[in-house]
Amino acid sequence: MSRKKTPKSKGGSAPAASALPAANGPRPARPGTARPSPDAQPNGPQQPSRHSLGGGGDFYDIAFKVMLVGDSGVGKTCLLMRFKDGAFLAGTFISTVGIDFRNKVLDVDGMKVKLQMWDTAGQERFRSVTHAYYRDAHALLLLYDVTNKASFDNIQAWLTEIHDYAQHDVVLMLLANKVDSAHEPAVKREDGEKLAKEYGLPFMETSAKTGLNVDLAFTAIAKELMQRSMKVPSEPGFQLHDYVKREGQGASCCRP
């Protein structure tokens, strides 16, 4: 089997789709597209191969779909752009309309892991569109802005929505994002940790502006998903909670 070539990332909205098969297991190979619909399934484990004669682009061994969810304005797009391009979107805030996505290939424990990252609109009027994309998501990153108490209070509503539409084995992570360090935090770290513990979620403070823990959050998700798909029953599994706690220990969203 040949290693798949990553399509060039390209933003854009996509139509809703019907229910989808379960995730986190081997999948039949499908050709990638620049603007897939909700039923465009990431491929399962692929065997390594030589570079194509045409050259260009990245190759991957396995691919996963990751969604960023949370209220409008919490920094989902900024976090995604920081991870994908290493840049911070300063200036006028523009809300995401519907769905947008980008791809990035990571080297994880000797494997090429492609994350297909979906940026969802936080406004209520787009919920009927984003619900369709929950169904085949492998992981969901829930964001709240530490300067916006309402975005934190609404996390429980987002978790209820995820329970209603996402698969039962989807990987979840709670992120406290601080987009603009000029504002004082309205939500304490302890509050985020308490909520995460209540729902059994790994928790991390991030900053789209400084880049704090952004790469770590996506890398942790990639490692967890890869281990789930490749795990042999007799082998010990990757512990996401322990990894996040160890690697992000002592970090604060309120400083670079």
Protein backbone atom coordinates (compact mmCIF):
# COMPACT_ATOMS: atom_id res chain seq x y z
CA MET A 1 0.00 0.00 0.00
CA SER A 2 1.37 3.43 -0.81
CA ARG A 3 1.66 6.35 1.49
CA LYS A 4 -0.93 9.01 0.94
CA LYS A 5 -0.14 12.51 -0.28
CA THR A 6 -1.52 15.42 1.72
CA PRO A 7 -3.77 17.76 -0.24
CA LYS A 8 -2.85 21.45 -0.09
CA SER A 9 -4.84 23.07 2.67
CA LYS A 10 -7.55 25.39 1.54
CA GLY A 11 -10.27 27.10 3.53
CA GLY A 12 -13.89 26.89 2.59
CA SER A 13 -17.28 25.78 3.68
CA ALA A 14 -18.81 22.42 2.93
CA PRO A 15 -22.32 20.95 2.85
CA ALA A 16 -23.82 18.87 5.63
CA ALA A 17 -23.92 15.09 5.34
CA SER A 18 -25.52 11.97 6.78
CA ALA A 19 -24.36 9.70 9.60
CA LEU A 20 -20.91 8.21 9.29
CA PRO A 21 -19.03 5.06 10.29
CA ALA A 22 -17.05 4.75 13.53
CA ALA A 23 -13.67 6.42 13.85
CA ASN A 24 -10.28 5.53 15.37
CA GLY A 25 -9.92 2.26 13.47
CA PRO A 26 -8.33 1.25 10.16
CA ARG A 27 -10.19 2.74 7.21
CA PRO A 28 -10.20 1.98 3.52
CA ALA A 29 -7.96 4.32 1.54
CA ARG A 30 -9.73 7.21 -0.16
CA PRO A 31 -8.31 9.96 -2.30
CA GLY A 32 -8.03 13.29 -0.46
CA THR A 33 -9.77 16.45 -1.59
CA ALA A 34 -9.03 20.11 -0.99
CA ARG A 35 -12.51 20.83 0.38
CA PRO A 36 -14.07 17.62 1.73
CA SER A 37 -17.59 17.32 3.07
CA PRO A 38 -18.36 15.90 6.55
CA ASP A 39 -18.30 12.35 5.18
CA ALA A 40 -14.77 12.67 3.83
CA GLN A 41 -13.13 10.08 6.08
CA PRO A 42 -9.46 10.30 7.08
CA ASN A 43 -7.54 7.21 6.01
CA GLY A 44 -6.40 4.43 8.31
CA PRO A 45 -2.78 3.33 8.81
CA GLN A 46 -0.83 3.34 5.56
CA GLN A 47 2.44 1.62 4.70
CA PRO A 48 5.40 3.90 3.90
CA SER A 49 6.36 4.38 0.26
CA ARG A 50 8.73 6.32 -1.97
CA HIS A 51 8.14 9.92 -2.92
CA SER A 52 5.99 10.38 -5.98
CA LEU A 53 7.88 11.16 -9.18
CA GLY A 54 5.98 14.42 -9.46
CA GLY A 55 7.50 15.67 -6.19
CA GLY A 56 6.05 18.32 -3.89
CA GLY A 57 3.62 18.06 -0.98
CA ASP A 58 3.79 16.02 2.22
CA PHE A 59 3.11 12.34 2.74
CA TYR A 60 1.45 10.71 5.71
CA ASP A 61 0.95 7.29 7.25
CA ILE A 62 -2.32 7.94 9.04
CA ALA A 63 -4.85 10.79 9.18
CA PHE A 64 -7.31 12.04 11.78
CA LYS A 65 -10.06 14.64 11.93
CA VAL A 66 -9.82 17.18 14.75
CA MET A 67 -12.45 19.85 15.44
CA LEU A 68 -12.14 23.09 17.40
CA VAL A 69 -15.37 24.09 19.14
CA GLY A 70 -16.44 26.86 21.48
CA ASP A 71 -18.17 30.22 21.54
CA SER A 72 -17.57 32.80 18.86
CA GLY A 73 -14.51 34.93 19.61
CA VAL A 74 -12.67 32.51 21.92
CA GLY A 75 -9.76 32.24 19.47
CA LYS A 76 -10.37 28.99 17.57
CA THR A 77 -9.18 30.41 14.26
CA CYS A 78 -6.24 32.17 15.92
CA LEU A 79 -5.18 28.96 17.67
CA LEU A 80 -5.41 26.99 14.44
CA MET A 81 -3.40 29.56 12.49
CA ARG A 82 -0.76 29.67 15.21
CA PHE A 83 -0.36 25.90 15.01
CA LYS A 84 -0.53 25.65 11.22
CA ASP A 85 1.55 28.68 10.21
CA GLY A 86 3.18 29.86 13.43
CA ALA A 87 1.49 33.25 13.08
CA PHE A 88 -0.93 35.28 15.18
CA LEU A 89 -3.93 36.89 13.52
CA ALA A 90 -3.75 40.40 14.91
CA GLY A 91 -6.16 43.16 13.92
CA THR A 92 -9.87 43.14 13.11
CA PHE A 93 -11.82 40.12 14.33
CA ILE A 94 -13.71 38.26 11.62
CA SER A 95 -16.05 35.44 12.66
CA THR A 96 -15.73 32.08 10.95
CA VAL A 97 -18.71 31.42 8.68
CA GLY A 98 -19.87 27.81 8.82
CA ILE A 99 -16.83 25.52 8.57
CA ASP A 100 -13.21 26.00 7.55
CA PHE A 101 -10.30 23.57 7.68
CA ARG A 102 -6.55 23.19 7.32
CA ASN A 103 -4.13 20.26 7.24
CA LYS A 104 -0.80 19.69 8.93
CA VAL A 105 1.47 16.64 9.01
CA LEU A 106 3.34 15.90 12.24
CA ASP A 107 6.18 13.52 12.99
CA VAL A 108 4.96 11.45 15.92
CA ASP A 109 7.10 8.59 17.20
CA GLY A 110 8.46 7.83 13.74
CA MET A 111 5.08 8.10 12.01
CA LYS A 112 3.73 10.80 9.70
CA VAL A 113 0.39 11.83 11.21
CA LYS A 114 -1.86 14.16 9.27
CA LEU A 115 -4.31 16.24 11.27
CA GLN A 116 -7.26 17.54 9.30
CA MET A 117 -8.28 20.41 11.55
CA TRP A 118 -11.79 21.83 11.31
CA ASP A 119 -12.51 25.35 12.54
CA THR A 120 -16.19 25.69 13.45
CA ALA A 121 -18.34 28.79 13.77
CA GLY A 122 -19.44 29.49 17.34
CA GLN A 123 -22.62 31.37 16.46
CA GLU A 124 -25.94 29.67 17.14
CA ARG A 125 -27.16 30.11 13.57
CA PHE A 126 -24.45 27.77 12.27
CA ARG A 127 -25.09 24.93 14.72
CA SER A 128 -27.20 22.87 12.32
CA VAL A 129 -24.26 22.89 9.90
CA THR A 130 -21.55 22.02 12.43
CA HIS A 131 -23.56 19.16 13.98
CA ALA A 132 -22.97 17.04 10.87
CA TYR A 133 -19.22 17.36 11.32
CA TYR A 134 -19.21 15.96 14.84
CA ARG A 135 -20.20 12.51 13.66
CA ASP A 136 -16.86 11.35 12.30
CA ALA A 137 -14.53 13.56 14.36
CA HIS A 138 -11.73 11.68 16.08
CA ALA A 139 -10.99 14.50 18.54
CA LEU A 140 -12.60 17.71 19.74
CA LEU A 141 -10.75 20.62 21.32
CA LEU A 142 -13.11 22.71 23.49
CA LEU A 143 -11.94 26.30 23.85
CA TYR A 144 -12.94 29.10 26.16
CA ASP A 145 -11.38 32.54 26.48
CA VAL A 146 -10.09 33.23 29.99
CA THR A 147 -11.06 36.90 29.56
CA ASN A 148 -14.66 35.94 28.74
CA LYS A 149 -16.55 34.31 31.64
CA ALA A 150 -19.58 33.53 29.48
CA SER A 151 -17.47 31.40 27.12
CA PHE A 152 -16.38 29.32 30.11
CA ASP A 153 -19.92 29.01 31.47
CA ASN A 154 -21.06 27.73 28.06
CA ILE A 155 -18.59 24.83 28.00
CA GLN A 156 -21.17 22.59 29.66
CA ALA A 157 -23.63 23.36 26.87
CA TRP A 158 -20.98 22.46 24.30
CA LEU A 159 -20.30 19.18 26.09
CA THR A 160 -24.00 18.36 25.99
CA GLU A 161 -24.06 19.07 22.27
CA ILE A 162 -21.02 16.87 21.72
CA HIS A 163 -22.68 14.07 23.69
CA ASP A 164 -25.71 14.30 21.41
CA TYR A 165 -23.87 14.32 18.07
CA ALA A 166 -20.31 12.98 18.42
CA GLN A 167 -19.15 9.40 18.71
CA HIS A 168 -18.86 7.97 22.21
CA ASP A 169 -15.11 7.33 21.89
CA VAL A 170 -14.16 10.78 20.59
CA VAL A 171 -11.08 12.27 22.28
CA LEU A 172 -11.80 15.50 24.17
CA MET A 173 -9.51 18.18 25.56
CA LEU A 174 -10.36 21.43 27.36
CA LEU A 175 -8.23 24.45 26.47
CA ALA A 176 -8.16 27.78 28.30
CA ASN A 177 -7.15 30.19 25.57
CA LYS A 178 -5.91 33.74 26.05
CA VAL A 179 -5.83 35.61 22.79
CA ASP A 180 -5.00 39.07 24.12
CA SER A 181 -2.72 39.27 27.16
CA ALA A 182 -3.66 42.96 27.63
CA HIS A 183 -6.90 41.90 29.34
CA GLU A 184 -7.10 40.52 32.85
CA PRO A 185 -8.33 36.93 33.14
CA ALA A 186 -11.95 36.54 34.22
CA VAL A 187 -11.62 32.77 34.71
CA LYS A 188 -9.01 31.36 37.08
CA ARG A 189 -6.89 28.37 36.13
CA GLU A 190 -8.29 26.48 39.11
CA ASP A 191 -11.80 26.86 37.70
CA GLY A 192 -10.73 25.34 34.40
CA GLU A 193 -8.96 22.48 36.14
CA LYS A 194 -12.02 21.83 38.31
CA LEU A 195 -14.36 21.68 35.31
CA ALA A 196 -11.97 19.43 33.40
CA LYS A 197 -11.70 17.07 36.36
CA GLU A 198 -15.48 16.97 36.70
CA TYR A 199 -15.82 15.69 33.14
CA GLY A 200 -12.62 13.65 33.10
CA LEU A 201 -10.92 15.82 30.48
CA PRO A 202 -7.26 16.71 30.05
CA PHE A 203 -6.80 20.44 30.59
CA MET A 204 -4.25 22.90 29.27
CA GLU A 205 -3.75 26.64 29.18
CA THR A 206 -2.82 27.98 25.75
CA SER A 207 -2.17 31.32 24.09
CA ALA A 208 -2.77 31.89 20.40
CA LYS A 209 -0.89 35.17 20.75
CA THR A 210 2.34 33.87 22.29
CA GLY A 211 2.08 30.28 21.06
CA LEU A 212 2.12 28.89 24.60
CA ASN A 213 1.29 25.14 24.59
CA VAL A 214 -0.35 25.34 21.14
CA ASP A 215 1.94 22.79 19.49
CA LEU A 216 1.80 20.66 22.63
CA ALA A 217 -2.00 20.48 22.56
CA PHE A 218 -2.18 19.26 18.97
CA THR A 219 0.80 16.93 19.40
CA ALA A 220 -0.83 15.34 22.45
CA ILE A 221 -4.01 14.74 20.48
CA ALA A 222 -2.04 13.26 17.57
CA LYS A 223 -0.16 10.90 19.90
CA GLU A 224 -3.37 9.75 21.58
CA LEU A 225 -5.15 9.08 18.29
CA MET A 226 -2.18 7.28 16.78
CA GLN A 227 -1.78 5.07 19.83
CA ARG A 228 -5.48 4.21 19.78
CA SER A 229 -5.31 3.13 16.16
CA MET A 230 -2.04 1.20 16.43
CA LYS A 231 -2.28 -0.19 19.96
CA VAL A 232 -1.71 -3.89 20.51
CA PRO A 233 -3.86 -5.22 23.40
CA SER A 234 -0.84 -6.59 25.26
CA GLU A 235 1.07 -3.28 25.08
CA PRO A 236 0.59 -0.36 27.52
CA GLY A 237 -1.26 2.56 25.97
CA PHE A 238 -0.37 6.23 25.76
CA GLN A 239 -1.75 8.18 28.72
CA LEU A 240 -3.05 11.52 27.44
CA HIS A 241 -3.80 13.00 30.86
CA ASP A 242 -0.33 12.18 32.19
CA TYR A 243 1.38 13.52 29.06
CA VAL A 244 -0.49 16.83 29.16
CA LYS A 245 0.07 17.25 32.89
CA ARG A 246 3.77 16.46 32.62
CA GLU A 247 4.61 18.48 29.51
CA GLY A 248 2.42 21.50 30.32
CA GLN A 249 3.20 21.65 34.04
CA GLY A 250 3.72 25.14 35.43
CA ALA A 251 2.66 26.92 32.25
CA SER A 252 0.43 29.95 32.54
CA CYS A 253 -1.78 31.53 29.90
CA CYS A 254 -1.09 34.94 31.38
CA ARG A 255 2.58 35.14 30.45
CA PRO A 256 4.66 34.31 27.34
